Amino acid sequence: MRFFQHRREACEQALRNIADFLPAFGLVGSVVGLIGMLSGIGDTQTILTTVPIALTSTLYGIVFANFFFLPFAANVREHTNRELLLQKIIMEGVIAIESELNPRVLERKLKSFLTPAARHGHMVSLRKIQQRFHINNIPAQPIANKHNPY
């Protein structure tokens, strides 16, 4: 889980760095457009073609940074946190099942990871699952005792 988190954080940081530099690139475009405008100071046609370039490059830098890259980085962070929580819940559940924890205690333990609004579910018996998915009664194999392998 740690390596997964580090990879995602590196992706998010790369997106944030791009968003930090985009307004600067927009300003560079503005300066280039203004230099072009000043080079043709006597020609109105040159001024009319270079001023929109200067203004739109700044606009593009700001729009791409604030409306694309920063929200995408926040989205990556949100998905990462959600996936890490699910991985933690699964790991805790597997460890508790392996240690043969009481199912009601296990349910309470796993629901403690959720917000109070998300704790509306309840346990379903094996019989109801078999009926719901039309599974034939498969005889359960006895689980070997950890202390007695026979």
N, C-alpha and C. Protein backbone atom coordinates (compact mmCIF):
# COMPACT_ATOMS: atom_id res chain seq x y z
N MET A 1 0.83 -1.19 0.00
CA MET A 1 0.00 0.00 0.00
C MET A 1 0.88 1.26 0.00
N ARG A 2 2.03 1.17 0.66
CA ARG A 2 2.89 2.34 0.75
C ARG A 2 3.42 2.74 -0.63
N PHE A 3 3.82 1.73 -1.44
CA PHE A 3 4.35 2.03 -2.76
C PHE A 3 3.26 2.59 -3.67
N PHE A 4 2.05 2.06 -3.53
CA PHE A 4 0.90 2.56 -4.28
C PHE A 4 0.68 4.04 -3.95
N GLN A 5 0.75 4.35 -2.66
CA GLN A 5 0.54 5.73 -2.22
C GLN A 5 1.65 6.64 -2.74
N HIS A 6 2.89 6.18 -2.71
CA HIS A 6 4.00 6.99 -3.20
C HIS A 6 3.89 7.25 -4.70
N ARG A 7 3.47 6.24 -5.47
CA ARG A 7 3.30 6.44 -6.91
C ARG A 7 2.22 7.48 -7.19
N ARG A 8 1.11 7.35 -6.48
CA ARG A 8 0.02 8.29 -6.71
C ARG A 8 0.40 9.70 -6.26
N GLU A 9 1.13 9.82 -5.15
CA GLU A 9 1.55 11.15 -4.70
C GLU A 9 2.52 11.78 -5.69
N ALA A 10 3.37 10.96 -6.32
CA ALA A 10 4.28 11.50 -7.34
C ALA A 10 3.50 12.01 -8.54
N CYS A 11 2.46 11.29 -8.95
CA CYS A 11 1.60 11.74 -10.05
C CYS A 11 0.92 13.05 -9.69
N GLU A 12 0.37 13.09 -8.50
CA GLU A 12 -0.33 14.30 -8.06
C GLU A 12 0.63 15.49 -8.00
N GLN A 13 1.84 15.27 -7.49
CA GLN A 13 2.81 16.35 -7.40
C GLN A 13 3.23 16.83 -8.79
N ALA A 14 3.35 15.93 -9.73
CA ALA A 14 3.69 16.33 -11.10
C ALA A 14 2.59 17.22 -11.69
N LEU A 15 1.34 16.85 -11.45
CA LEU A 15 0.22 17.67 -11.95
C LEU A 15 0.21 19.04 -11.28
N ARG A 16 0.49 19.07 -9.99
CA ARG A 16 0.53 20.36 -9.28
C ARG A 16 1.69 21.23 -9.78
N ASN A 17 2.83 20.61 -10.08
CA ASN A 17 3.96 21.38 -10.61
C ASN A 17 3.63 21.96 -11.98
N ILE A 18 2.98 21.18 -12.82
CA ILE A 18 2.56 21.70 -14.13
C ILE A 18 1.62 22.88 -13.94
N ALA A 19 0.68 22.74 -13.01
CA ALA A 19 -0.27 23.83 -12.75
C ALA A 19 0.43 25.06 -12.20
N ASP A 20 1.51 24.87 -11.46
CA ASP A 20 2.25 26.02 -10.94
C ASP A 20 2.99 26.77 -12.05
N PHE A 21 3.49 26.04 -13.05
CA PHE A 21 4.28 26.67 -14.10
C PHE A 21 3.46 27.22 -15.26
N LEU A 22 2.23 26.76 -15.43
CA LEU A 22 1.44 27.20 -16.59
C LEU A 22 1.17 28.71 -16.60
N PRO A 23 0.81 29.36 -15.49
CA PRO A 23 0.65 30.82 -15.57
C PRO A 23 1.93 31.54 -15.97
N ALA A 24 3.09 31.01 -15.57
CA ALA A 24 4.35 31.63 -15.97
C ALA A 24 4.54 31.51 -17.48
N PHE A 25 4.18 30.37 -18.05
CA PHE A 25 4.27 30.22 -19.51
C PHE A 25 3.29 31.17 -20.21
N GLY A 26 2.15 31.38 -19.60
CA GLY A 26 1.21 32.35 -20.15
C GLY A 26 1.78 33.75 -20.15
N LEU A 27 2.49 34.10 -19.08
CA LEU A 27 3.12 35.42 -19.04
C LEU A 27 4.25 35.54 -20.06
N VAL A 28 4.98 34.46 -20.28
CA VAL A 28 6.03 34.47 -21.32
C VAL A 28 5.38 34.73 -22.68
N GLY A 29 4.25 34.10 -22.94
CA GLY A 29 3.53 34.35 -24.18
C GLY A 29 3.07 35.79 -24.30
N SER A 30 2.66 36.36 -23.17
CA SER A 30 2.25 37.77 -23.18
C SER A 30 3.42 38.67 -23.50
N VAL A 31 4.56 38.40 -22.89
CA VAL A 31 5.74 39.23 -23.15
C VAL A 31 6.16 39.11 -24.61
N VAL A 32 6.14 37.90 -25.15
CA VAL A 32 6.49 37.72 -26.56
C VAL A 32 5.50 38.49 -27.45
N GLY A 33 4.23 38.43 -27.12
CA GLY A 33 3.24 39.17 -27.89
C GLY A 33 3.42 40.67 -27.78
N LEU A 34 3.77 41.16 -26.59
CA LEU A 34 4.00 42.60 -26.42
C LEU A 34 5.27 43.06 -27.14
N ILE A 35 6.29 42.20 -27.14
CA ILE A 35 7.51 42.54 -27.89
C ILE A 35 7.20 42.64 -29.38
N GLY A 36 6.40 41.71 -29.86
CA GLY A 36 5.98 41.78 -31.26
C GLY A 36 5.17 43.02 -31.54
N MET A 37 4.35 43.42 -30.57
CA MET A 37 3.55 44.63 -30.76
C MET A 37 4.45 45.86 -30.81
N LEU A 38 5.44 45.91 -29.92
CA LEU A 38 6.32 47.07 -29.88
C LEU A 38 7.24 47.13 -31.10
N SER A 39 7.54 45.97 -31.69
CA SER A 39 8.39 45.99 -32.89
C SER A 39 7.67 46.59 -34.08
N GLY A 40 6.37 46.52 -34.08
CA GLY A 40 5.60 47.11 -35.18
C GLY A 40 4.80 48.29 -34.70
N ILE A 41 5.40 49.17 -33.91
CA ILE A 41 4.67 50.27 -33.26
C ILE A 41 4.00 51.21 -34.26
N GLY A 42 4.53 51.33 -35.45
CA GLY A 42 3.93 52.24 -36.42
C GLY A 42 2.85 51.58 -37.26
N ASP A 43 2.78 50.25 -37.22
CA ASP A 43 1.84 49.52 -38.08
C ASP A 43 0.65 49.04 -37.24
N THR A 44 -0.53 49.55 -37.54
CA THR A 44 -1.72 49.15 -36.76
C THR A 44 -2.10 47.70 -37.00
N GLN A 45 -1.83 47.16 -38.16
CA GLN A 45 -2.15 45.76 -38.45
C GLN A 45 -1.32 44.83 -37.56
N THR A 46 -0.06 45.14 -37.35
CA THR A 46 0.80 44.33 -36.48
C THR A 46 0.31 44.39 -35.04
N ILE A 47 -0.09 45.57 -34.60
CA ILE A 47 -0.59 45.75 -33.24
C ILE A 47 -1.88 44.95 -33.06
N LEU A 48 -2.76 45.01 -34.04
CA LEU A 48 -4.03 44.30 -33.94
C LEU A 48 -3.86 42.78 -33.95
N THR A 49 -2.81 42.27 -34.54
CA THR A 49 -2.60 40.82 -34.56
C THR A 49 -1.80 40.32 -33.36
N THR A 50 -0.98 41.15 -32.74
CA THR A 50 -0.15 40.68 -31.63
C THR A 50 -0.79 40.87 -30.26
N VAL A 51 -1.67 41.86 -30.09
CA VAL A 51 -2.32 42.07 -28.78
C VAL A 51 -3.20 40.88 -28.40
N PRO A 52 -4.02 40.34 -29.30
CA PRO A 52 -4.80 39.15 -28.90
C PRO A 52 -3.93 37.95 -28.54
N ILE A 53 -2.80 37.81 -29.21
CA ILE A 53 -1.88 36.71 -28.86
C ILE A 53 -1.39 36.89 -27.43
N ALA A 54 -1.03 38.11 -27.08
CA ALA A 54 -0.52 38.39 -25.74
C ALA A 54 -1.59 38.11 -24.68
N LEU A 55 -2.80 38.52 -24.95
CA LEU A 55 -3.87 38.33 -23.96
C LEU A 55 -4.33 36.89 -23.86
N THR A 56 -4.45 36.21 -24.98
CA THR A 56 -4.94 34.83 -24.93
C THR A 56 -3.91 33.87 -24.34
N SER A 57 -2.63 34.14 -24.51
CA SER A 57 -1.63 33.24 -23.92
C SER A 57 -1.70 33.30 -22.40
N THR A 58 -1.92 34.48 -21.83
CA THR A 58 -2.09 34.59 -20.38
C THR A 58 -3.36 33.85 -19.95
N LEU A 59 -4.42 34.05 -20.69
CA LEU A 59 -5.67 33.39 -20.37
C LEU A 59 -5.53 31.87 -20.42
N TYR A 60 -4.85 31.36 -21.45
CA TYR A 60 -4.66 29.91 -21.56
C TYR A 60 -3.86 29.37 -20.38
N GLY A 61 -2.82 30.06 -19.99
CA GLY A 61 -2.02 29.60 -18.85
C GLY A 61 -2.84 29.51 -17.58
N ILE A 62 -3.64 30.51 -17.31
CA ILE A 62 -4.45 30.53 -16.09
C ILE A 62 -5.57 29.50 -16.16
N VAL A 63 -6.23 29.40 -17.30
CA VAL A 63 -7.35 28.45 -17.44
C VAL A 63 -6.87 27.01 -17.32
N PHE A 64 -5.79 26.68 -18.03
CA PHE A 64 -5.29 25.30 -17.95
C PHE A 64 -4.84 24.96 -16.54
N ALA A 65 -4.20 25.87 -15.86
CA ALA A 65 -3.73 25.59 -14.49
C ALA A 65 -4.89 25.40 -13.54
N ASN A 66 -5.84 26.33 -13.54
CA ASN A 66 -6.89 26.33 -12.51
C ASN A 66 -8.10 25.48 -12.85
N PHE A 67 -8.34 25.22 -14.13
CA PHE A 67 -9.53 24.46 -14.49
C PHE A 67 -9.25 23.05 -14.97
N PHE A 68 -7.99 22.71 -15.22
CA PHE A 68 -7.67 21.36 -15.65
C PHE A 68 -6.71 20.65 -14.71
N PHE A 69 -5.52 21.20 -14.53
CA PHE A 69 -4.49 20.47 -13.81
C PHE A 69 -4.70 20.43 -12.30
N LEU A 70 -5.09 21.53 -11.68
CA LEU A 70 -5.34 21.50 -10.23
C LEU A 70 -6.54 20.63 -9.86
N PRO A 71 -7.67 20.72 -10.57
CA PRO A 71 -8.77 19.79 -10.25
C PRO A 71 -8.42 18.33 -10.52
N PHE A 72 -7.63 18.08 -11.56
CA PHE A 72 -7.23 16.71 -11.85
C PHE A 72 -6.32 16.18 -10.75
N ALA A 73 -5.42 17.01 -10.22
CA ALA A 73 -4.56 16.60 -9.11
C ALA A 73 -5.39 16.33 -7.86
N ALA A 74 -6.40 17.16 -7.60
CA ALA A 74 -7.28 16.93 -6.44
C ALA A 74 -8.07 15.63 -6.62
N ASN A 75 -8.48 15.35 -7.85
CA ASN A 75 -9.21 14.11 -8.15
C ASN A 75 -8.32 12.89 -7.91
N VAL A 76 -7.06 12.97 -8.32
CA VAL A 76 -6.12 11.88 -8.08
C VAL A 76 -5.95 11.66 -6.58
N ARG A 77 -5.84 12.74 -5.81
CA ARG A 77 -5.70 12.63 -4.35
C ARG A 77 -6.93 11.98 -3.73
N GLU A 78 -8.11 12.39 -4.16
CA GLU A 78 -9.34 11.83 -3.61
C GLU A 78 -9.47 10.34 -3.91
N HIS A 79 -9.18 9.96 -5.15
CA HIS A 79 -9.25 8.54 -5.51
C HIS A 79 -8.22 7.72 -4.76
N THR A 80 -7.04 8.28 -4.56
CA THR A 80 -6.00 7.58 -3.81
C THR A 80 -6.44 7.33 -2.38
N ASN A 81 -6.98 8.36 -1.75
CA ASN A 81 -7.44 8.19 -0.36
C ASN A 81 -8.56 7.16 -0.26
N ARG A 82 -9.47 7.17 -1.21
CA ARG A 82 -10.57 6.21 -1.20
C ARG A 82 -10.06 4.78 -1.39
N GLU A 83 -9.13 4.60 -2.33
CA GLU A 83 -8.58 3.27 -2.57
C GLU A 83 -7.75 2.77 -1.40
N LEU A 84 -7.01 3.68 -0.76
CA LEU A 84 -6.24 3.27 0.42
C LEU A 84 -7.15 2.85 1.56
N LEU A 85 -8.27 3.55 1.73
CA LEU A 85 -9.23 3.16 2.77
C LEU A 85 -9.81 1.79 2.47
N LEU A 86 -10.17 1.54 1.22
CA LEU A 86 -10.71 0.22 0.85
C LEU A 86 -9.68 -0.88 1.06
N GLN A 87 -8.43 -0.62 0.71
CA GLN A 87 -7.38 -1.61 0.93
C GLN A 87 -7.20 -1.88 2.42
N LYS A 88 -7.28 -0.85 3.23
CA LYS A 88 -7.13 -1.02 4.69
C LYS A 88 -8.30 -1.83 5.25
N ILE A 89 -9.51 -1.56 4.79
CA ILE A 89 -10.68 -2.31 5.25
C ILE A 89 -10.55 -3.78 4.86
N ILE A 90 -10.12 -4.03 3.62
CA ILE A 90 -9.97 -5.41 3.16
C ILE A 90 -8.91 -6.13 3.97
N MET A 91 -7.79 -5.46 4.23
CA MET A 91 -6.72 -6.09 4.99
C MET A 91 -7.16 -6.40 6.42
N GLU A 92 -7.83 -5.46 7.05
CA GLU A 92 -8.33 -5.69 8.41
C GLU A 92 -9.34 -6.84 8.43
N GLY A 93 -10.20 -6.90 7.41
CA GLY A 93 -11.18 -7.98 7.34
C GLY A 93 -10.53 -9.34 7.16
N VAL A 94 -9.56 -9.43 6.29
CA VAL A 94 -8.87 -10.70 6.07
C VAL A 94 -8.13 -11.14 7.32
N ILE A 95 -7.47 -10.22 7.99
CA ILE A 95 -6.76 -10.56 9.23
C ILE A 95 -7.74 -11.01 10.30
N ALA A 96 -8.89 -10.34 10.41
CA ALA A 96 -9.88 -10.72 11.42
C ALA A 96 -10.50 -12.08 11.10
N ILE A 97 -10.77 -12.35 9.82
CA ILE A 97 -11.33 -13.66 9.45
C ILE A 97 -10.32 -14.76 9.74
N GLU A 98 -9.07 -14.50 9.44
CA GLU A 98 -8.03 -15.50 9.68
C GLU A 98 -7.88 -15.79 11.18
N SER A 99 -8.08 -14.78 12.00
CA SER A 99 -7.98 -15.00 13.45
C SER A 99 -9.30 -15.48 14.05
N GLU A 100 -10.28 -15.80 13.19
CA GLU A 100 -11.57 -16.35 13.60
C GLU A 100 -12.30 -15.44 14.59
N LEU A 101 -12.37 -14.17 14.25
CA LEU A 101 -13.08 -13.20 15.07
C LEU A 101 -14.58 -13.39 14.90
N ASN A 102 -15.32 -13.13 15.95
CA ASN A 102 -16.78 -13.23 15.92
C ASN A 102 -17.32 -12.35 14.79
N PRO A 103 -18.25 -12.86 13.97
CA PRO A 103 -18.76 -12.08 12.83
C PRO A 103 -19.39 -10.74 13.23
N ARG A 104 -20.07 -10.69 14.34
CA ARG A 104 -20.68 -9.41 14.77
C ARG A 104 -19.61 -8.41 15.18
N VAL A 105 -18.58 -8.89 15.84
CA VAL A 105 -17.48 -8.00 16.23
C VAL A 105 -16.74 -7.54 14.97
N LEU A 106 -16.56 -8.45 14.02
CA LEU A 106 -15.92 -8.11 12.75
C LEU A 106 -16.73 -7.05 12.01
N GLU A 107 -18.04 -7.23 11.98
CA GLU A 107 -18.90 -6.24 11.32
C GLU A 107 -18.74 -4.87 11.98
N ARG A 108 -18.77 -4.83 13.28
CA ARG A 108 -18.63 -3.57 14.00
C ARG A 108 -17.26 -2.94 13.75
N LYS A 109 -16.23 -3.78 13.72
CA LYS A 109 -14.87 -3.29 13.49
C LYS A 109 -14.72 -2.69 12.10
N LEU A 110 -15.26 -3.39 11.08
CA LEU A 110 -15.14 -2.89 9.72
C LEU A 110 -16.00 -1.65 9.48
N LYS A 111 -17.15 -1.61 10.12
CA LYS A 111 -18.00 -0.42 9.96
C LYS A 111 -17.41 0.80 10.64
N SER A 112 -16.49 0.59 11.57
CA SER A 112 -15.87 1.73 12.24
C SER A 112 -15.01 2.55 11.26
N PHE A 113 -14.62 1.96 10.12
CA PHE A 113 -13.86 2.70 9.12
C PHE A 113 -14.75 3.66 8.34
N LEU A 114 -16.04 3.41 8.32
CA LEU A 114 -16.96 4.20 7.51
C LEU A 114 -17.50 5.39 8.29
N THR A 115 -18.01 6.37 7.57
CA THR A 115 -18.67 7.49 8.21
C THR A 115 -20.02 7.01 8.74
N PRO A 116 -20.59 7.69 9.73
CA PRO A 116 -21.89 7.25 10.26
C PRO A 116 -22.98 7.17 9.20
N ALA A 117 -22.94 8.03 8.21
CA ALA A 117 -23.97 7.99 7.16
C ALA A 117 -23.82 6.76 6.27
N ALA A 118 -22.62 6.21 6.17
CA ALA A 118 -22.38 5.07 5.28
C ALA A 118 -22.54 3.73 6.00
N ARG A 119 -22.92 3.73 7.26
CA ARG A 119 -23.02 2.49 8.05
C ARG A 119 -24.42 1.89 8.04
N HIS A 120 -25.14 2.00 6.96
CA HIS A 120 -26.53 1.55 6.92
C HIS A 120 -26.68 0.08 6.60
N GLY A 121 -25.65 -0.59 6.13
CA GLY A 121 -25.75 -2.00 5.74
C GLY A 121 -25.80 -2.93 6.94
N HIS A 122 -26.20 -4.16 6.69
CA HIS A 122 -26.24 -5.17 7.74
C HIS A 122 -25.77 -6.49 7.15
N MET A 123 -25.45 -7.43 8.01
CA MET A 123 -24.94 -8.72 7.55
C MET A 123 -26.06 -9.53 6.92
N VAL A 124 -25.71 -10.31 5.93
CA VAL A 124 -26.65 -11.17 5.23
C VAL A 124 -26.18 -12.60 5.41
N SER A 125 -27.13 -13.47 5.68
CA SER A 125 -26.76 -14.87 5.91
C SER A 125 -26.37 -15.54 4.61
N LEU A 126 -25.64 -16.64 4.74
CA LEU A 126 -25.21 -17.40 3.58
C LEU A 126 -26.42 -17.94 2.81
N ARG A 127 -27.44 -18.34 3.51
CA ARG A 127 -28.65 -18.88 2.87
C ARG A 127 -29.30 -17.82 1.97
N LYS A 128 -29.38 -16.57 2.44
CA LYS A 128 -29.97 -15.51 1.63
C LYS A 128 -29.12 -15.21 0.40
N ILE A 129 -27.81 -15.28 0.54
CA ILE A 129 -26.93 -15.06 -0.61
C ILE A 129 -27.13 -16.16 -1.63
N GLN A 130 -27.24 -17.41 -1.16
CA GLN A 130 -27.44 -18.53 -2.07
C GLN A 130 -28.78 -18.41 -2.79
N GLN A 131 -29.82 -17.97 -2.07
CA GLN A 131 -31.13 -17.80 -2.71
C GLN A 131 -31.10 -16.66 -3.71
N ARG A 132 -30.46 -15.58 -3.37
CA ARG A 132 -30.43 -14.38 -4.22
C ARG A 132 -29.72 -14.67 -5.53
N PHE A 133 -28.61 -15.41 -5.49
CA PHE A 133 -27.82 -15.66 -6.68
C PHE A 133 -28.03 -17.06 -7.25
N HIS A 134 -29.06 -17.74 -6.77
CA HIS A 134 -29.44 -19.07 -7.26
C HIS A 134 -28.25 -20.04 -7.25
N ILE A 135 -27.62 -20.14 -6.11
CA ILE A 135 -26.49 -21.04 -5.94
C ILE A 135 -27.00 -22.30 -5.26
N ASN A 136 -26.65 -23.45 -5.83
CA ASN A 136 -27.05 -24.72 -5.22
C ASN A 136 -26.34 -24.89 -3.89
N ASN A 137 -26.99 -25.63 -3.02
CA ASN A 137 -26.38 -25.89 -1.72
C ASN A 137 -25.13 -26.73 -1.91
N ILE A 138 -24.01 -26.11 -1.71
CA ILE A 138 -22.73 -26.80 -1.79
C ILE A 138 -22.33 -27.15 -0.37
N PRO A 139 -22.11 -28.42 -0.10
CA PRO A 139 -21.75 -28.76 1.28
C PRO A 139 -20.44 -28.09 1.66
N ALA A 140 -20.45 -27.47 2.81
CA ALA A 140 -19.27 -26.76 3.29
C ALA A 140 -18.23 -27.74 3.78
N GLN A 141 -17.00 -27.51 3.40
CA GLN A 141 -15.90 -28.33 3.86
C GLN A 141 -15.49 -27.84 5.25
N PRO A 142 -15.28 -28.75 6.18
CA PRO A 142 -14.87 -28.30 7.50
C PRO A 142 -13.49 -27.64 7.44
N ILE A 143 -13.35 -26.59 8.19
CA ILE A 143 -12.08 -25.86 8.23
C ILE A 143 -11.18 -26.54 9.24
N ALA A 144 -9.98 -26.81 8.83
CA ALA A 144 -9.03 -27.47 9.73
C ALA A 144 -8.69 -26.55 10.88
N ASN A 145 -8.66 -27.12 12.04
CA ASN A 145 -8.30 -26.36 13.24
C ASN A 145 -6.82 -25.99 13.16
N LYS A 146 -6.49 -24.76 13.54
CA LYS A 146 -5.11 -24.34 13.48
C LYS A 146 -4.22 -25.14 14.44
N HIS A 147 -4.80 -25.56 15.55
CA HIS A 147 -4.01 -26.24 16.57
C HIS A 147 -3.96 -27.75 16.36
N ASN A 148 -4.96 -28.31 15.66
CA ASN A 148 -5.01 -29.75 15.42
C ASN A 148 -5.15 -29.99 13.94
N PRO A 149 -4.09 -30.38 13.23
CA PRO A 149 -4.17 -30.52 11.77
C PRO A 149 -4.96 -31.74 11.31
N TYR A 150 -5.37 -32.67 12.19
CA TYR A 150 -6.06 -33.91 11.79
C TYR A 150 -7.54 -33.77 11.86
